[in-house]
Amino acid sequence: MASKTLVVAVDRDDVPPLEMPERFRLEVVYFMTPGDAKGAPTLAANEYWIEPDHIDRWLDDGVFSVVSPLDAESVAEIELTEDQERWLEWMQKHGISKVRVESR
């Protein structure tokens, strides 16, 4: 049986996990807020913190920015996929900022 990729709201047992495509494991890093950012919580393995203000902006704009690893001044705007938008809406709806990505 194939495993499922689930996004689990950390510290929110009242919110059911969100099923996402396997590729989301690679995509979530584009959205995480760096651990050295002001107010960043301590995270366990496979946990990610996403600044709520960023969630609102990405949903409003329909895009997110990616900085080139070769040139920090080169920034590309990438349109949200339907799955990414669904995930961000799930986070916004439930007031979630910390998630864990699991396979079950």
C-alpha atoms as a PDB file:
ATOM      1  CA  MET A   1       0.000   0.000   0.000  1.00  0.00           C
ATOM      2  CA  ALA A   2       1.348   3.446  -0.929  1.00  0.00           C
ATOM      3  CA  SER A   3       2.088   5.840   1.884  1.00  0.00           C
ATOM      4  CA  LYS A   4       0.268   9.143   2.246  1.00  0.00           C
ATOM      5  CA  THR A   5       1.953  12.500   2.796  1.00  0.00           C
ATOM      6  CA  LEU A   6       0.132  14.348   5.547  1.00  0.00           C
ATOM      7  CA  VAL A   7       0.557  17.846   6.913  1.00  0.00           C
ATOM      8  CA  VAL A   8      -0.179  17.825  10.633  1.00  0.00           C
ATOM      9  CA  ALA A   9      -0.913  20.959  12.659  1.00  0.00           C
ATOM     10  CA  VAL A  10       1.609  20.912  15.523  1.00  0.00           C
ATOM     11  CA  ASP A  11      -0.043  21.382  18.939  1.00  0.00           C
ATOM     12  CA  ARG A  12      -3.517  21.346  17.335  1.00  0.00           C
ATOM     13  CA  ASP A  13      -5.096  17.926  17.847  1.00  0.00           C
ATOM     14  CA  ASP A  14      -8.471  19.462  16.944  1.00  0.00           C
ATOM     15  CA  VAL A  15      -7.428  20.017  13.291  1.00  0.00           C
ATOM     16  CA  PRO A  16      -7.480  16.968  11.006  1.00  0.00           C
ATOM     17  CA  PRO A  17      -4.285  16.411   8.970  1.00  0.00           C
ATOM     18  CA  LEU A  18      -4.250  17.595   5.368  1.00  0.00           C
ATOM     19  CA  GLU A  19      -3.278  15.079   2.689  1.00  0.00           C
ATOM     20  CA  MET A  20      -0.832  16.451   0.121  1.00  0.00           C
ATOM     21  CA  PRO A  21       1.042  15.020  -2.884  1.00  0.00           C
ATOM     22  CA  GLU A  22       4.455  13.458  -2.149  1.00  0.00           C
ATOM     23  CA  ARG A  23       6.220  16.361  -3.917  1.00  0.00           C
ATOM     24  CA  PHE A  24       5.036  18.667  -1.124  1.00  0.00           C
ATOM     25  CA  ARG A  25       7.907  17.340   1.027  1.00  0.00           C
ATOM     26  CA  LEU A  26      10.255  19.241  -1.304  1.00  0.00           C
ATOM     27  CA  GLU A  27       8.025  22.300  -1.734  1.00  0.00           C
ATOM     28  CA  VAL A  28       7.331  23.124   1.925  1.00  0.00           C
ATOM     29  CA  VAL A  29      10.856  24.530   2.355  1.00  0.00           C
ATOM     30  CA  TYR A  30       9.985  27.385  -0.033  1.00  0.00           C
ATOM     31  CA  PHE A  31       7.402  28.577   2.474  1.00  0.00           C
ATOM     32  CA  MET A  32       9.122  28.034   5.824  1.00  0.00           C
ATOM     33  CA  THR A  33      10.250  31.023   7.830  1.00  0.00           C
ATOM     34  CA  PRO A  34      13.963  30.749   8.740  1.00  0.00           C
ATOM     35  CA  GLY A  35      14.708  29.468  12.226  1.00  0.00           C
ATOM     36  CA  ASP A  36      16.751  32.559  13.047  1.00  0.00           C
ATOM     37  CA  ALA A  37      13.810  34.913  12.365  1.00  0.00           C
ATOM     38  CA  LYS A  38      12.485  36.944  15.295  1.00  0.00           C
ATOM     39  CA  GLY A  39       9.928  34.905  17.243  1.00  0.00           C
ATOM     40  CA  ALA A  40      10.819  31.615  15.537  1.00  0.00           C
ATOM     41  CA  PRO A  41       9.908  28.617  17.711  1.00  0.00           C
ATOM     42  CA  THR A  42      12.099  25.595  18.313  1.00  0.00           C
ATOM     43  CA  LEU A  43      11.194  22.886  15.812  1.00  0.00           C
ATOM     44  CA  ALA A  44      11.557  19.114  15.785  1.00  0.00           C
ATOM     45  CA  ALA A  45      12.503  17.018  12.760  1.00  0.00           C
ATOM     46  CA  ASN A  46      10.155  17.491   9.788  1.00  0.00           C
ATOM     47  CA  GLU A  47       8.511  20.519  11.424  1.00  0.00           C
ATOM     48  CA  TYR A  48       8.169  23.891   9.741  1.00  0.00           C
ATOM     49  CA  TRP A  49       7.112  27.320  10.954  1.00  0.00           C
ATOM     50  CA  ILE A  50       5.364  29.632   8.528  1.00  0.00           C
ATOM     51  CA  GLU A  51       4.853  33.276   9.494  1.00  0.00           C
ATOM     52  CA  PRO A  52       1.071  33.932   9.380  1.00  0.00           C
ATOM     53  CA  ASP A  53       1.528  37.316   7.650  1.00  0.00           C
ATOM     54  CA  HIS A  54       3.343  35.524   4.819  1.00  0.00           C
ATOM     55  CA  ILE A  55       0.437  33.101   4.406  1.00  0.00           C
ATOM     56  CA  ASP A  56      -1.962  36.026   3.967  1.00  0.00           C
ATOM     57  CA  ARG A  57       0.330  37.745   1.451  1.00  0.00           C
ATOM     58  CA  TRP A  58       0.888  34.596  -0.648  1.00  0.00           C
ATOM     59  CA  LEU A  59      -2.839  33.931  -0.815  1.00  0.00           C
ATOM     60  CA  ASP A  60      -3.574  37.554  -1.713  1.00  0.00           C
ATOM     61  CA  ASP A  61      -0.840  37.683  -4.383  1.00  0.00           C
ATOM     62  CA  GLY A  62      -1.210  34.115  -5.679  1.00  0.00           C
ATOM     63  CA  VAL A  63       2.586  33.831  -5.892  1.00  0.00           C
ATOM     64  CA  PHE A  64       5.619  33.215  -3.700  1.00  0.00           C
ATOM     65  CA  SER A  65       9.226  34.309  -4.224  1.00  0.00           C
ATOM     66  CA  VAL A  66      12.281  32.102  -4.545  1.00  0.00           C
ATOM     67  CA  VAL A  67      15.817  33.459  -4.227  1.00  0.00           C
ATOM     68  CA  SER A  68      18.431  31.913  -6.498  1.00  0.00           C
ATOM     69  CA  PRO A  69      21.049  29.895  -4.597  1.00  0.00           C
ATOM     70  CA  LEU A  70      23.636  31.190  -7.104  1.00  0.00           C
ATOM     71  CA  ASP A  71      22.781  34.880  -6.940  1.00  0.00           C
ATOM     72  CA  ALA A  72      20.986  36.337  -3.905  1.00  0.00           C
ATOM     73  CA  GLU A  73      19.826  39.296  -5.992  1.00  0.00           C
ATOM     74  CA  SER A  74      17.961  37.048  -8.449  1.00  0.00           C
ATOM     75  CA  VAL A  75      14.422  36.487  -7.209  1.00  0.00           C
ATOM     76  CA  ALA A  76      11.718  34.656  -9.127  1.00  0.00           C
ATOM     77  CA  GLU A  77       7.990  34.836  -8.438  1.00  0.00           C
ATOM     78  CA  ILE A  78       6.267  31.476  -8.820  1.00  0.00           C
ATOM     79  CA  GLU A  79       2.515  31.031  -9.092  1.00  0.00           C
ATOM     80  CA  LEU A  80       0.920  28.938  -6.357  1.00  0.00           C
ATOM     81  CA  THR A  81      -0.235  25.490  -7.428  1.00  0.00           C
ATOM     82  CA  GLU A  82      -3.761  24.378  -6.522  1.00  0.00           C
ATOM     83  CA  ASP A  83      -2.306  22.089  -3.832  1.00  0.00           C
ATOM     84  CA  GLN A  84      -0.140  24.849  -2.334  1.00  0.00           C
ATOM     85  CA  GLU A  85      -3.107  27.201  -2.284  1.00  0.00           C
ATOM     86  CA  ARG A  86      -5.291  24.532  -0.631  1.00  0.00           C
ATOM     87  CA  TRP A  87      -2.603  24.003   2.031  1.00  0.00           C
ATOM     88  CA  LEU A  88      -2.201  27.732   2.718  1.00  0.00           C
ATOM     89  CA  GLU A  89      -5.994  28.154   2.956  1.00  0.00           C
ATOM     90  CA  TRP A  90      -6.102  25.230   5.436  1.00  0.00           C
ATOM     91  CA  MET A  91      -3.417  26.933   7.548  1.00  0.00           C
ATOM     92  CA  GLN A  92      -5.155  30.316   7.377  1.00  0.00           C
ATOM     93  CA  LYS A  93      -8.589  28.883   8.180  1.00  0.00           C
ATOM     94  CA  HIS A  94      -7.318  27.084  11.308  1.00  0.00           C
ATOM     95  CA  GLY A  95      -4.802  29.738  12.429  1.00  0.00           C
ATOM     96  CA  ILE A  96      -1.881  27.346  12.054  1.00  0.00           C
ATOM     97  CA  SER A  97       1.745  28.428  11.837  1.00  0.00           C
ATOM     98  CA  LYS A  98       3.616  25.233  12.834  1.00  0.00           C
ATOM     99  CA  VAL A  99       3.263  22.035  10.815  1.00  0.00           C
ATOM    100  CA  ARG A 100       4.877  18.634  10.604  1.00  0.00           C
ATOM    101  CA  VAL A 101       5.092  16.653   7.358  1.00  0.00           C
ATOM    102  CA  GLU A 102       4.559  12.899   7.856  1.00  0.00           C
ATOM    103  CA  SER A 103       4.184   9.748   5.810  1.00  0.00           C
ATOM    104  CA  ARG A 104       1.591   7.220   6.914  1.00  0.00           C
END
